[in-house]
C-alpha cells in the first residue's frame, strides 16, 4: 500500500511540475530552424569557380578589407599599390603596381608566377617566387569582386579597379 501511495505522490508531483513549467515558444524555435536551413541552402548554392571564370582574374585589383580568423575586419581605405593579374589559360603572374595620377602605373621587375588550379570543390592560386611557394583559395571571383583565403584563414576582399587619370585641374579625365 505504501508503494502505491508513493507512486501516486510522484505522479501528482510530476503533473504539477508540467503545469507550472514555462511553455516553450515553438514558433521562435521554428524560425531559428528555418533561418539555419536557409543559410545552409544558400551556402550550398554557391557556384564553384570554374576554368572558364579564370579570365575574370585578369586586370587590376584593389584590396578593400581583410576578415581575420577571429572575425575582426581590417579596412584598407587608401592603397598605394594594386595587384595586377595577367593569366592566360591557367598560368600567369601577379605584379604589385602603383597607380599614378596621369593614368600610368609604376612597377618594379618583381612578379610572382601563378598557376590557377580548379577542382570540383574549390579553386586555388599557387604562387611561386625565387624565395617561396604558397597557395590561396579562390573563394569568390566575378567581374567586380575577388576574395582570396590564405592558409592562415585570412580572407582578402578585393574590388576591381583601374588607372587613376586626372586632368591638370584635378578633375577625372573622361
Protein backbone atom coordinates (compact mmCIF):
# COMPACT_ATOMS: atom_id res chain seq x y z
CA UNK A 1 0.00 0.00 0.00
CA UNK A 2 2.82 2.34 0.74
CA UNK A 3 4.35 1.77 -2.70
CA UNK A 4 1.06 2.62 -4.42
CA UNK A 5 0.67 5.86 -2.47
CA UNK A 6 4.29 6.80 -3.19
CA UNK A 7 3.70 6.27 -6.94
CA UNK A 8 0.54 8.40 -6.71
CA UNK A 9 2.53 11.12 -4.94
CA UNK A 10 5.26 11.08 -7.65
CA UNK A 11 2.69 11.13 -10.44
CA UNK A 12 0.84 14.06 -8.85
CA UNK A 13 4.11 15.95 -8.33
CA UNK A 14 5.17 15.37 -11.98
CA UNK A 15 1.79 16.70 -13.19
CA UNK A 16 2.18 19.83 -11.08
CA UNK A 17 5.68 20.42 -12.48
CA UNK A 18 4.39 20.14 -16.04
CA UNK A 19 1.61 22.64 -15.34
CA UNK A 20 3.98 25.14 -13.75
CA UNK A 21 6.76 24.73 -16.32
CA UNK A 22 7.19 27.63 -18.72
CA UNK A 23 5.64 26.99 -22.10
CA UNK A 24 8.11 26.65 -24.96
CA UNK A 25 7.72 29.05 -27.82
CA UNK A 26 7.62 26.64 -30.76
CA UNK A 27 7.15 29.49 -33.23
CA UNK A 28 10.50 31.01 -32.22
CA UNK A 29 12.20 27.62 -32.46
CA UNK A 30 10.74 27.08 -35.91
CA UNK A 31 12.02 30.49 -37.05
CA UNK A 32 15.52 29.54 -35.93
CA UNK A 33 15.33 26.24 -37.80
CA UNK A 34 14.12 27.96 -40.98
CA UNK A 35 16.91 30.55 -40.72
CA UNK A 36 19.58 27.88 -40.30
CA UNK A 37 18.21 25.80 -43.18
CA UNK A 38 18.01 28.87 -45.42
CA UNK A 39 21.63 29.76 -44.65
CA UNK A 40 22.77 26.22 -45.39
CA UNK A 41 20.77 26.24 -48.64
CA UNK A 42 22.37 29.50 -49.78
CA UNK A 43 25.79 28.24 -48.78
CA UNK A 44 25.32 25.07 -50.81
CA UNK A 45 24.16 27.08 -53.84
CA UNK A 46 27.45 28.98 -54.08
CA UNK A 47 28.73 28.37 -57.57
CA UNK A 48 32.24 26.93 -57.59
CA UNK A 49 34.86 28.76 -59.62
CA UNK A 50 35.36 27.02 -62.93
CA UNK A 51 38.15 27.15 -65.51
CA UNK A 52 36.05 29.48 -67.70
CA UNK A 53 35.91 32.04 -64.86
CA UNK A 54 39.70 32.35 -64.60
CA UNK A 55 39.86 35.03 -67.31
CA UNK A 56 37.97 37.34 -64.91
CA UNK A 57 41.11 37.39 -62.76
CA UNK A 58 42.94 39.48 -65.38
CA UNK A 59 43.33 43.16 -64.55
CA UNK A 60 43.84 45.48 -61.60
CA UNK A 61 42.51 44.64 -58.13
CA UNK A 62 42.49 46.92 -55.08
CA UNK A 63 42.21 45.43 -51.60
CA UNK A 64 39.20 46.75 -49.65
CA UNK A 65 39.39 44.80 -46.39
CA UNK A 66 40.58 41.62 -44.70
CA UNK A 67 38.50 39.34 -42.48
CA UNK A 68 40.77 37.81 -39.85
CA UNK A 69 40.25 34.27 -38.49
CA UNK A 70 38.75 35.64 -35.27
CA UNK A 71 36.11 37.56 -37.30
CA UNK A 72 37.68 41.01 -36.97
CA UNK A 73 37.66 43.21 -40.06
CA UNK A 74 40.63 45.31 -41.13
CA UNK A 75 39.73 48.05 -43.63
CA UNK A 76 42.09 49.43 -46.29
CA UNK A 77 40.51 52.77 -47.25
CA UNK A 78 43.57 54.00 -49.18
CA UNK A 79 46.01 51.87 -51.13
CA UNK A 80 49.31 52.86 -52.65
CA UNK A 81 49.52 49.61 -54.59
CA UNK A 82 47.20 47.42 -56.63
CA UNK A 83 47.58 43.79 -57.59
CA UNK A 84 47.79 43.28 -61.34
CA UNK A 85 46.95 39.77 -62.55
CA UNK A 86 47.75 38.55 -66.04
CA UNK A 87 46.60 35.00 -66.73
CA UNK A 88 46.48 33.01 -69.98
CA UNK A 89 44.83 29.65 -69.55
CA UNK A 90 45.80 28.70 -66.03
CA UNK A 91 49.32 30.19 -65.99
CA UNK A 92 50.27 33.80 -65.37
CA UNK A 93 51.73 36.34 -62.98
CA UNK A 94 50.79 38.79 -60.23
CA UNK A 95 52.59 42.11 -60.03
CA UNK A 96 52.32 44.92 -57.47
CA UNK A 97 51.76 48.25 -59.24
CA UNK A 98 51.48 51.84 -58.01
CA UNK A 99 48.85 53.96 -59.78
CA UNK A 100 49.90 57.45 -60.85
CA UNK A 101 47.59 60.45 -61.29
CA UNK A 102 48.24 60.59 -65.04
CA UNK A 103 46.77 57.13 -65.65
CA UNK A 104 50.03 55.19 -65.68
CA UNK A 105 51.49 52.69 -63.22
CA UNK A 106 54.88 52.38 -61.61
CA UNK A 107 56.19 48.89 -61.05
CA UNK A 108 59.38 47.03 -60.40
CA UNK A 109 60.58 43.95 -62.20
CA UNK A 110 59.38 41.64 -59.40
CA UNK A 111 56.35 39.49 -60.03
CA UNK A 112 55.02 36.23 -58.72
CA UNK A 113 54.44 33.37 -61.11
CA UNK A 114 50.97 31.92 -60.60
CA UNK A 115 49.09 28.83 -61.58
CA UNK A 116 45.33 28.56 -61.14
CA UNK A 117 44.15 25.09 -60.16
CA UNK A 118 40.43 24.33 -60.33
CA UNK A 119 38.70 21.33 -58.83
CA UNK A 120 35.19 20.16 -58.03
CA UNK A 121 35.09 21.65 -54.55
CA UNK A 122 37.44 24.63 -54.80
CA UNK A 123 39.90 26.62 -56.89
CA UNK A 124 43.35 27.76 -55.81
CA UNK A 125 46.07 30.16 -56.93
CA UNK A 126 49.53 28.69 -56.47
CA UNK A 127 52.25 31.35 -56.21
CA UNK A 128 55.95 30.87 -56.84
CA UNK A 129 58.93 33.18 -56.49
CA UNK A 130 62.65 32.53 -56.23
CA UNK A 131 62.23 32.54 -52.45
CA UNK A 132 58.90 30.92 -51.62
CA UNK A 133 55.85 28.95 -52.72
CA UNK A 134 52.36 29.33 -51.29
CA UNK A 135 48.73 28.78 -52.13
CA UNK A 136 45.50 30.76 -51.65
CA UNK A 137 41.94 29.59 -52.16
CA UNK A 138 39.82 31.47 -54.68
CA UNK A 139 36.61 31.97 -52.68
CA UNK A 140 34.85 34.44 -55.00
CA UNK A 141 35.68 35.63 -58.49
CA UNK A 142 33.37 37.69 -60.67
CA UNK A 143 33.57 40.87 -62.76
CA UNK A 144 33.77 43.19 -59.74
CA UNK A 145 34.86 41.13 -56.72
CA UNK A 146 37.75 38.85 -55.79
CA UNK A 147 38.06 37.04 -52.45
CA UNK A 148 41.17 35.03 -51.57
CA UNK A 149 41.70 32.91 -48.42
CA UNK A 150 45.22 32.06 -47.29
CA UNK A 151 46.24 29.01 -45.20
CA UNK A 152 46.01 31.12 -42.02
CA UNK A 153 42.28 31.65 -42.84
CA UNK A 154 42.62 35.39 -43.57
CA UNK A 155 40.11 36.43 -46.25
CA UNK A 156 41.28 39.19 -48.58
CA UNK A 157 38.44 41.10 -50.28
CA UNK A 158 39.36 42.99 -53.44
CA UNK A 159 37.42 45.21 -55.82
CA UNK A 160 38.22 45.67 -59.49
CA UNK A 161 39.89 48.96 -60.23
CA UNK A 162 41.80 50.70 -62.98
CA UNK A 163 44.08 53.62 -63.68
CA UNK A 164 43.61 57.00 -62.00
CA UNK A 165 43.56 59.65 -64.67
CA UNK A 166 43.17 63.26 -63.55
CA UNK A 167 43.38 66.34 -65.74
CA UNK A 168 45.59 69.27 -64.79
CA UNK A 169 42.64 70.91 -62.99
CA UNK A 170 42.20 67.83 -60.74
CA UNK A 171 39.03 66.57 -62.43
CA UNK A 172 38.82 62.99 -63.56
CA UNK A 173 39.54 62.60 -67.26
CA UNK A 174 36.91 61.00 -69.49
